[in-house]
N, C-alpha and C. Protein backbone atom coordinates (compact mmCIF):
# COMPACT_ATOMS: atom_id res chain seq x y z
N UNK A 1 7.52 7.33 0.83
CA UNK A 1 8.66 6.30 1.01
C UNK A 1 8.34 5.10 0.16
N UNK A 2 9.37 4.69 -0.50
CA UNK A 2 9.24 3.45 -1.38
C UNK A 2 9.14 2.27 -0.58
N UNK A 3 8.28 1.28 -1.12
CA UNK A 3 8.08 0.11 -0.30
C UNK A 3 9.11 -0.92 -0.56
N UNK A 4 10.04 -0.57 -1.43
CA UNK A 4 11.29 -1.50 -1.60
C UNK A 4 12.41 -0.78 -1.01
N UNK A 5 12.27 0.24 -0.06
CA UNK A 5 13.39 0.78 0.53
C UNK A 5 14.28 -0.06 1.32
N UNK A 6 15.56 -0.01 1.12
CA UNK A 6 16.53 -0.92 1.82
C UNK A 6 16.57 -0.39 3.29
N UNK A 7 16.33 -1.30 4.16
CA UNK A 7 16.29 -0.80 5.67
C UNK A 7 17.56 -1.45 6.39
N UNK A 8 18.17 -0.82 7.27
CA UNK A 8 19.21 -1.18 8.01
C UNK A 8 19.33 -0.55 9.26
N UNK A 9 19.35 -1.39 10.39
CA UNK A 9 19.74 -0.99 11.72
C UNK A 9 19.11 0.35 12.27
N UNK A 10 19.66 0.74 13.42
CA UNK A 10 19.32 1.90 14.21
C UNK A 10 17.77 2.06 14.23
N UNK A 11 17.25 1.53 15.31
CA UNK A 11 15.77 1.56 15.47
C UNK A 11 15.30 2.33 16.84
N UNK A 12 14.14 2.48 16.84
CA UNK A 12 13.45 3.04 18.09
C UNK A 12 12.26 2.23 18.19
N UNK A 13 12.00 1.66 19.43
CA UNK A 13 10.92 0.71 19.58
C UNK A 13 9.69 1.56 20.18
N UNK A 14 8.61 1.36 19.58
CA UNK A 14 7.40 1.91 20.00
C UNK A 14 6.35 0.94 20.19
N UNK A 15 6.16 0.43 21.37
CA UNK A 15 5.17 -0.74 21.42
C UNK A 15 5.57 -1.93 20.78
N UNK A 16 4.69 -2.37 19.94
CA UNK A 16 5.13 -3.63 19.08
C UNK A 16 5.58 -3.23 17.63
N UNK A 17 5.98 -1.92 17.54
CA UNK A 17 6.44 -1.44 16.25
C UNK A 17 7.84 -0.91 16.41
N UNK A 18 8.70 -1.16 15.42
CA UNK A 18 10.00 -0.59 15.44
C UNK A 18 10.09 0.37 14.32
N UNK A 19 10.56 1.63 14.57
CA UNK A 19 10.91 2.53 13.45
C UNK A 19 12.21 2.31 13.09
N UNK A 20 12.46 1.99 11.84
CA UNK A 20 13.77 1.54 11.27
C UNK A 20 14.40 2.63 10.53
N UNK A 21 15.44 3.17 10.93
CA UNK A 21 16.17 4.22 10.14
C UNK A 21 16.94 3.48 9.01
N UNK A 22 16.73 3.90 7.81
CA UNK A 22 17.57 3.28 6.74
C UNK A 22 18.06 4.33 5.75
N UNK A 23 18.95 3.89 4.89
CA UNK A 23 19.46 4.88 3.97
C UNK A 23 18.36 5.53 3.12
N UNK A 24 18.21 6.76 3.37
CA UNK A 24 17.25 7.61 2.62
C UNK A 24 15.89 7.84 3.35
N UNK A 25 15.78 7.36 4.57
CA UNK A 25 14.49 7.64 5.15
C UNK A 25 14.24 6.80 6.38
N UNK A 26 12.98 6.77 6.79
CA UNK A 26 12.56 5.89 8.00
C UNK A 26 11.47 4.96 7.50
N UNK A 27 11.52 3.75 7.97
CA UNK A 27 10.45 2.91 7.74
C UNK A 27 9.98 2.13 8.96
N UNK A 28 8.92 1.42 8.91
CA UNK A 28 8.42 0.76 10.06
C UNK A 28 8.50 -0.79 9.85
N UNK A 29 8.92 -1.51 10.85
CA UNK A 29 8.98 -2.94 10.82
C UNK A 29 7.98 -3.41 11.86
N UNK A 30 6.92 -4.02 11.22
CA UNK A 30 5.74 -4.45 12.09
C UNK A 30 5.50 -5.98 12.00
N UNK A 31 4.95 -6.56 13.00
CA UNK A 31 4.51 -7.96 12.86
C UNK A 31 3.53 -8.12 11.74
N UNK A 32 3.70 -9.20 10.91
CA UNK A 32 2.83 -9.40 9.77
C UNK A 32 3.36 -8.94 8.46
N UNK A 33 4.48 -8.09 8.59
CA UNK A 33 4.98 -7.49 7.25
C UNK A 33 5.84 -8.55 6.60
N UNK A 34 5.80 -8.59 5.25
CA UNK A 34 6.61 -9.41 4.34
C UNK A 34 7.84 -8.65 3.95
N UNK A 35 9.03 -9.34 4.14
CA UNK A 35 10.28 -8.68 3.72
C UNK A 35 11.21 -9.67 3.02
N UNK A 36 12.24 -9.17 2.43
CA UNK A 36 13.24 -10.13 1.78
C UNK A 36 14.46 -9.83 2.75
N UNK A 37 14.99 -10.86 3.29
CA UNK A 37 16.04 -10.87 4.15
C UNK A 37 17.44 -10.80 3.40
N UNK A 38 18.32 -9.93 3.81
CA UNK A 38 19.59 -9.76 3.16
C UNK A 38 19.43 -9.73 1.61
N UNK A 39 18.94 -8.64 1.13
CA UNK A 39 18.65 -8.50 -0.31
C UNK A 39 19.75 -8.71 -1.35
N UNK A 40 20.97 -8.46 -0.80
CA UNK A 40 22.23 -8.74 -1.61
C UNK A 40 22.71 -10.08 -1.74
N UNK A 41 22.14 -11.06 -1.06
CA UNK A 41 22.62 -12.44 -0.98
C UNK A 41 22.27 -13.14 -2.34
N UNK A 42 23.02 -14.16 -2.68
CA UNK A 42 22.89 -14.92 -3.91
C UNK A 42 21.59 -15.54 -3.99
N UNK A 43 21.04 -16.06 -3.02
CA UNK A 43 19.79 -16.84 -2.94
C UNK A 43 18.74 -16.00 -2.07
N UNK A 44 17.70 -15.62 -2.73
CA UNK A 44 16.60 -14.71 -2.03
C UNK A 44 15.97 -15.54 -0.86
N UNK A 45 15.74 -14.83 0.26
CA UNK A 45 15.00 -15.45 1.35
C UNK A 45 13.91 -14.48 1.73
N UNK A 46 12.66 -14.88 1.73
CA UNK A 46 11.49 -14.14 2.04
C UNK A 46 10.92 -14.52 3.31
N UNK A 47 10.51 -13.50 4.10
CA UNK A 47 10.17 -13.81 5.50
C UNK A 47 8.96 -12.91 5.89
N UNK A 48 8.23 -13.40 7.00
CA UNK A 48 7.21 -12.68 7.60
C UNK A 48 7.80 -12.19 8.99
N UNK A 49 7.59 -10.96 9.27
CA UNK A 49 7.98 -10.36 10.64
C UNK A 49 6.94 -11.03 11.67
N UNK A 50 7.49 -11.76 12.72
CA UNK A 50 6.69 -12.41 13.57
C UNK A 50 6.62 -11.51 14.94
N UNK A 51 7.82 -11.01 15.33
CA UNK A 51 7.90 -10.32 16.61
C UNK A 51 8.96 -9.26 16.56
N UNK A 52 8.76 -8.02 17.15
CA UNK A 52 9.70 -7.02 17.14
C UNK A 52 9.87 -6.71 18.58
N UNK A 53 11.14 -6.75 18.97
CA UNK A 53 11.54 -6.55 20.44
C UNK A 53 12.81 -5.65 20.55
N UNK A 54 13.08 -5.20 21.75
CA UNK A 54 14.33 -4.42 21.93
C UNK A 54 15.52 -5.14 21.51
N UNK A 55 15.67 -6.37 21.71
CA UNK A 55 16.85 -7.26 21.39
C UNK A 55 16.83 -7.57 20.03
N UNK A 56 15.80 -7.45 19.19
CA UNK A 56 15.90 -7.85 17.72
C UNK A 56 14.52 -8.24 17.18
N UNK A 57 14.52 -8.87 16.09
CA UNK A 57 13.34 -9.30 15.35
C UNK A 57 13.28 -10.69 15.12
N UNK A 58 12.03 -11.36 15.15
CA UNK A 58 11.95 -12.76 14.81
C UNK A 58 11.12 -12.88 13.56
N UNK A 59 11.70 -13.60 12.48
CA UNK A 59 11.10 -13.75 11.34
C UNK A 59 10.76 -15.18 11.09
N UNK A 60 9.70 -15.48 10.26
CA UNK A 60 9.34 -16.85 9.83
C UNK A 60 9.60 -16.86 8.24
N UNK A 61 10.56 -17.74 7.81
CA UNK A 61 10.91 -17.80 6.36
C UNK A 61 9.69 -18.48 5.73
N UNK A 62 9.29 -17.66 4.66
CA UNK A 62 8.10 -18.12 3.89
C UNK A 62 8.57 -18.71 2.48
N UNK A 63 9.61 -18.42 1.97
CA UNK A 63 10.03 -18.79 0.62
C UNK A 63 11.58 -18.57 0.47
N UNK A 64 12.26 -19.43 -0.19
CA UNK A 64 13.69 -19.26 -0.60
C UNK A 64 13.87 -19.64 -2.05
N UNK A 65 14.93 -19.22 -2.54
CA UNK A 65 15.34 -19.52 -3.93
C UNK A 65 15.92 -20.88 -4.00
N UNK A 66 15.76 -21.50 -5.06
CA UNK A 66 16.43 -22.87 -5.23
C UNK A 66 17.85 -22.72 -5.04
N UNK A 67 18.49 -23.63 -4.40
CA UNK A 67 19.91 -23.59 -4.12
C UNK A 67 20.28 -23.19 -2.70
N UNK A 68 19.39 -22.45 -1.88
CA UNK A 68 19.49 -22.07 -0.65
C UNK A 68 19.72 -23.23 0.25
N UNK A 69 20.84 -23.31 1.00
CA UNK A 69 21.11 -24.54 1.75
C UNK A 69 21.00 -24.35 3.32
N UNK A 70 20.93 -23.09 3.82
CA UNK A 70 20.85 -22.81 5.23
C UNK A 70 19.39 -22.67 5.71
N UNK A 71 18.60 -21.99 4.94
CA UNK A 71 17.31 -21.71 5.39
C UNK A 71 16.21 -22.38 4.51
N UNK A 72 15.07 -22.77 5.20
CA UNK A 72 13.96 -23.38 4.50
C UNK A 72 12.69 -22.75 4.85
N UNK A 73 11.60 -22.79 4.04
CA UNK A 73 10.26 -22.29 4.43
C UNK A 73 9.83 -22.94 5.73
N UNK A 74 9.41 -22.11 6.78
CA UNK A 74 8.92 -22.60 7.97
C UNK A 74 9.98 -22.40 9.10
N UNK A 75 11.28 -22.08 8.69
CA UNK A 75 12.27 -21.83 9.73
C UNK A 75 11.87 -20.50 10.50
N UNK A 76 12.19 -20.51 11.75
CA UNK A 76 12.12 -19.30 12.44
C UNK A 76 13.53 -18.80 12.77
N UNK A 77 13.69 -17.58 12.46
CA UNK A 77 14.98 -16.85 12.57
C UNK A 77 14.96 -15.63 13.55
N UNK A 78 15.66 -15.76 14.67
CA UNK A 78 15.76 -14.52 15.57
C UNK A 78 17.05 -13.82 15.31
N UNK A 79 16.85 -12.43 14.91
CA UNK A 79 18.10 -11.67 14.64
C UNK A 79 18.24 -10.46 15.40
N UNK A 80 19.46 -10.23 15.95
CA UNK A 80 19.66 -9.01 16.63
C UNK A 80 19.57 -7.84 15.70
N UNK A 81 19.44 -6.63 16.10
CA UNK A 81 19.25 -5.46 15.27
C UNK A 81 20.50 -5.24 14.50
N UNK A 82 21.71 -5.70 14.91
CA UNK A 82 22.88 -5.51 14.12
C UNK A 82 23.02 -6.41 12.92
N UNK A 83 22.12 -7.46 12.76
CA UNK A 83 22.10 -8.29 11.60
C UNK A 83 20.91 -8.09 10.68
N UNK A 84 20.13 -7.00 10.99
CA UNK A 84 18.86 -6.96 10.18
C UNK A 84 19.16 -6.04 8.97
N UNK A 85 19.04 -6.59 7.78
CA UNK A 85 18.96 -5.99 6.50
C UNK A 85 17.89 -6.57 5.70
N UNK A 86 16.92 -5.73 5.44
CA UNK A 86 15.73 -6.19 4.77
C UNK A 86 15.24 -5.26 3.64
N UNK A 87 14.52 -5.80 2.68
CA UNK A 87 13.77 -4.86 1.65
C UNK A 87 12.24 -5.20 1.93
N UNK A 88 11.43 -4.21 2.03
CA UNK A 88 10.03 -4.33 2.10
C UNK A 88 9.53 -4.99 0.85
N UNK A 89 8.47 -5.86 0.98
CA UNK A 89 7.84 -6.55 -0.17
C UNK A 89 6.37 -5.93 -0.22
N UNK A 90 6.06 -5.40 -1.51
CA UNK A 90 4.61 -4.91 -1.64
C UNK A 90 3.61 -6.07 -1.54
N UNK A 91 2.64 -5.77 -0.88
CA UNK A 91 1.58 -6.91 -0.69
C UNK A 91 0.21 -6.34 -1.19
């Protein structure tokens, strides 16, 4: 599985780990993982997965591109599964 695989929705919760089905395979969304949120957006937003729960995922923004007006480093974002679109970041 590619570490930059685009992940979208449809998950199965297994303890503190969510198995995320995405186009082309299955990936795991785990606390502590670094991801790029909404990879198609004009301004990149990078985040750390803080919590995975049945209702969604909590992310902490760690970096944003210059020009981003909504999110800033340090912001905590709670998203329902229907709004999660991430790209894994190699660490």
